[in-house]
């Protein structure tokens, strides 16, 4: 499974663009979190941010498993 991700995480230019996109999404969800009016909105924004940060760590994960 991880070998299929190598083209994305191995291409520095492509990964940088993808990472910048994820950062922009995180920023959007942080703004949502700041303006949330109820617990449901807060939990959704927190969950989204958590998931996006896990995706950002994908490169390290793939590198570790590749050895």
Protein backbone atom coordinates (compact mmCIF):
# COMPACT_ATOMS: atom_id res chain seq x y z
CA UNK A 1 0.00 0.00 0.00
CA UNK A 2 2.74 2.48 0.92
CA UNK A 3 4.61 1.78 -2.29
CA UNK A 4 1.71 3.31 -4.23
CA UNK A 5 2.22 6.55 -2.28
CA UNK A 6 5.92 6.85 -3.11
CA UNK A 7 5.36 8.83 -6.33
CA UNK A 8 3.51 11.52 -4.36
CA UNK A 9 5.78 11.71 -1.33
CA UNK A 10 8.96 11.18 -3.33
CA UNK A 11 8.39 14.07 -5.71
CA UNK A 12 9.56 17.13 -3.78
CA UNK A 13 7.76 19.71 -5.93
CA UNK A 14 4.52 17.75 -5.97
CA UNK A 15 4.65 17.08 -2.22
CA UNK A 16 5.33 20.75 -1.46
CA UNK A 17 2.28 21.83 -3.46
CA UNK A 18 0.14 19.17 -1.81
CA UNK A 19 1.42 20.17 1.62
CA UNK A 20 0.67 23.84 0.94
CA UNK A 21 -2.87 22.86 -0.03
CA UNK A 22 -3.29 20.92 3.22
CA UNK A 23 -1.97 23.93 5.17
CA UNK A 24 -4.59 26.13 3.52
CA UNK A 25 -7.32 23.65 4.47
CA UNK A 26 -6.06 23.53 8.06
CA UNK A 27 -6.13 27.31 8.20
CA UNK A 28 -9.73 27.33 6.94
CA UNK A 29 -10.78 24.83 9.61
CA UNK A 30 -8.95 26.82 12.30
CA UNK A 31 -10.98 29.88 11.34
CA UNK A 32 -14.13 27.78 11.50
CA UNK A 33 -13.06 26.57 14.93
CA UNK A 34 -12.54 30.14 16.14
CA UNK A 35 -16.01 31.16 14.96
CA UNK A 36 -17.87 28.00 15.99
CA UNK A 37 -21.08 28.58 17.87
CA UNK A 38 -21.79 25.08 19.12
CA UNK A 39 -20.02 21.89 20.16
CA UNK A 40 -20.80 20.07 16.93
CA UNK A 41 -19.00 22.69 14.84
CA UNK A 42 -16.05 22.65 17.23
CA UNK A 43 -15.72 18.87 17.14
CA UNK A 44 -16.01 18.76 13.34
CA UNK A 45 -13.32 21.40 12.90
CA UNK A 46 -11.04 19.67 15.41
CA UNK A 47 -11.53 16.33 13.67
CA UNK A 48 -10.81 17.83 10.28
CA UNK A 49 -7.63 19.49 11.52
CA UNK A 50 -6.49 16.25 13.14
CA UNK A 51 -7.08 14.24 9.96
CA UNK A 52 -5.28 16.80 7.79
CA UNK A 53 -2.27 16.82 10.12
CA UNK A 54 -2.11 13.03 9.85
CA UNK A 55 -2.00 13.36 6.06
CA UNK A 56 0.87 15.84 6.41
CA UNK A 57 2.81 13.21 8.39
CA UNK A 58 2.29 10.68 5.60
CA UNK A 59 5.63 11.46 3.97
CA UNK A 60 7.52 10.63 7.17
CA UNK A 61 5.50 7.46 7.62
CA UNK A 62 6.20 6.24 4.09
CA UNK A 63 9.91 7.09 4.48
CA UNK A 64 10.15 5.20 7.77
CA UNK A 65 8.54 2.08 6.32
CA UNK A 66 10.71 2.29 3.20
CA UNK A 67 13.80 2.21 5.39
